[in-house]
Amino acid sequence: MIEHPLVSVRLVAHNHEEAIVRCLEGILMQRTDFPFEVIVADECSTDRMRDIVSAYAEQYPEKICVLPAEARLDPIRNSYRVQQACRGKYHAMIEGDDAWIDPLKLQTQANFMEARPDV
């Protein structure tokens, strides 16, 4: 994993097999001048989503960390465990059935936050 990410992407997903590739590709296409990490919390999916996410984590071990669950967690507890795993100064949240289409999303948001420490 990246030693000091500026941004942690918090990805919570459950049974999003049909959408998770698009979601991950939207995250991985981000063009930034800073390191970022992706923390994926699988809510004990019963479809092939866990296999797909694990394959991405194997392909991008420096960027993606998967937090598997052995039992279904309520959304608040699952979100909290993702938050605790994040190491970035900033957190960007996305769910497994969402997708980012702007490759500069993280860079634009981080620039804004860094320029305005009072926000």
Protein backbone atom coordinates (compact mmCIF):
# COMPACT_ATOMS: atom_id res chain seq x y z
CA MET A 1 0.00 0.00 0.00
CA ILE A 2 0.97 3.61 -0.49
CA GLU A 3 2.80 4.91 2.56
CA HIS A 4 1.22 8.37 2.87
CA PRO A 5 -1.88 8.83 0.69
CA LEU A 6 -3.36 12.31 0.53
CA VAL A 7 -6.78 10.87 -0.32
CA SER A 8 -8.47 7.67 0.77
CA VAL A 9 -11.29 6.48 -1.44
CA ARG A 10 -13.92 4.78 0.70
CA LEU A 11 -15.78 2.17 -1.35
CA VAL A 12 -18.62 0.30 0.35
CA ALA A 13 -20.30 -2.38 -1.73
CA HIS A 14 -22.71 -5.30 -1.47
CA ASN A 15 -23.75 -7.51 -4.36
CA HIS A 16 -22.66 -4.99 -6.99
CA GLU A 17 -21.22 -7.56 -9.38
CA GLU A 18 -22.82 -5.87 -12.38
CA ALA A 19 -21.42 -2.41 -11.57
CA ILE A 20 -18.20 -2.90 -9.59
CA VAL A 21 -15.83 -3.02 -12.59
CA ARG A 22 -17.10 0.34 -13.84
CA CYS A 23 -16.80 1.74 -10.33
CA LEU A 24 -13.21 0.54 -9.88
CA GLU A 25 -12.17 1.67 -13.35
CA GLY A 26 -13.57 5.13 -12.62
CA ILE A 27 -11.43 5.30 -9.50
CA LEU A 28 -8.29 3.91 -11.11
CA MET A 29 -8.51 6.35 -14.06
CA GLN A 30 -8.00 9.27 -11.67
CA ARG A 31 -5.06 11.47 -12.68
CA THR A 32 -3.50 13.02 -9.61
CA ASP A 33 -0.18 14.51 -8.60
CA PHE A 34 -0.56 12.88 -5.17
CA PRO A 35 -0.91 9.30 -3.98
CA PHE A 36 -4.32 7.90 -3.14
CA GLU A 37 -5.55 4.61 -1.77
CA VAL A 38 -8.78 2.69 -2.28
CA ILE A 39 -10.31 0.92 0.71
CA VAL A 40 -13.04 -1.51 -0.35
CA ALA A 41 -15.47 -2.87 2.23
CA ASP A 42 -17.39 -5.84 0.96
CA GLU A 43 -20.58 -6.34 2.95
CA CYS A 44 -20.43 -10.13 2.62
CA SER A 45 -21.65 -10.21 -0.96
CA THR A 46 -23.26 -13.39 -2.24
CA ASP A 47 -22.53 -12.71 -5.92
CA ARG A 48 -19.12 -12.65 -7.67
CA MET A 49 -18.30 -9.13 -6.51
CA ARG A 50 -15.77 -10.22 -3.90
CA ASP A 51 -13.85 -12.22 -6.53
CA ILE A 52 -13.80 -9.24 -8.89
CA VAL A 53 -12.63 -6.82 -6.21
CA SER A 54 -9.97 -9.29 -5.02
CA ALA A 55 -8.64 -9.63 -8.57
CA TYR A 56 -8.32 -5.85 -8.81
CA ALA A 57 -6.55 -5.76 -5.44
CA GLU A 58 -4.07 -8.38 -6.68
CA GLN A 59 -3.46 -6.34 -9.83
CA TYR A 60 -3.10 -3.04 -7.92
CA PRO A 61 -1.76 -4.04 -4.47
CA GLU A 62 -0.12 -0.66 -3.95
CA LYS A 63 -3.46 1.11 -4.34
CA ILE A 64 -6.37 -1.20 -3.38
CA CYS A 65 -7.04 -2.77 0.01
CA VAL A 66 -10.05 -5.06 0.50
CA LEU A 67 -11.77 -5.45 3.85
CA PRO A 68 -13.82 -8.63 3.53
CA ALA A 69 -16.63 -9.33 5.97
CA GLU A 70 -17.46 -12.81 7.21
CA ALA A 71 -20.96 -11.76 8.18
CA ARG A 72 -23.32 -9.09 6.90
CA LEU A 73 -22.78 -5.84 8.77
CA ASP A 74 -25.23 -3.01 9.09
CA PRO A 75 -24.29 -0.03 6.88
CA ILE A 76 -23.19 2.16 9.78
CA ARG A 77 -20.78 -0.43 11.22
CA ASN A 78 -19.41 -1.23 7.78
CA SER A 79 -18.90 2.43 6.95
CA TYR A 80 -17.13 2.93 10.28
CA ARG A 81 -14.70 0.08 9.66
CA VAL A 82 -13.82 1.56 6.26
CA GLN A 83 -13.28 4.96 7.84
CA GLN A 84 -10.95 3.42 10.43
CA ALA A 85 -8.85 1.76 7.70
CA CYS A 86 -8.38 5.00 5.73
CA ARG A 87 -5.06 6.77 6.13
CA GLY A 88 -5.56 9.78 3.87
CA LYS A 89 -5.94 13.37 4.97
CA TYR A 90 -9.12 13.52 2.88
CA HIS A 91 -11.77 10.89 2.20
CA ALA A 92 -13.75 10.48 -1.02
CA MET A 93 -16.77 8.22 -0.76
CA ILE A 94 -18.32 6.06 -3.43
CA GLU A 95 -20.61 3.04 -3.45
CA GLY A 96 -20.12 -0.03 -5.59
CA ASP A 97 -22.93 0.81 -7.99
CA ASP A 98 -21.66 4.35 -8.65
CA ALA A 99 -19.00 5.47 -11.13
CA TRP A 100 -16.78 8.50 -11.55
CA ILE A 101 -16.52 9.80 -15.10
CA ASP A 102 -14.18 12.75 -14.60
CA PRO A 103 -10.53 11.64 -14.42
CA LEU A 104 -9.68 14.85 -12.54
CA LYS A 105 -12.33 14.50 -9.83
CA LEU A 106 -9.91 13.71 -6.99
CA GLN A 107 -7.31 16.23 -8.16
CA THR A 108 -9.88 19.04 -8.41
CA GLN A 109 -11.35 18.31 -5.00
CA ALA A 110 -7.95 17.93 -3.30
CA ASN A 111 -6.73 21.18 -4.86
CA PHE A 112 -9.80 22.95 -3.51
CA MET A 113 -9.32 21.57 -0.01
CA GLU A 114 -5.59 22.26 0.09
CA ALA A 115 -6.13 25.86 -1.05
CA ARG A 116 -8.82 26.47 1.56
CA PRO A 117 -7.74 25.02 4.93
CA ASP A 118 -10.65 26.85 6.58
CA VAL A 119 -13.22 24.75 4.70
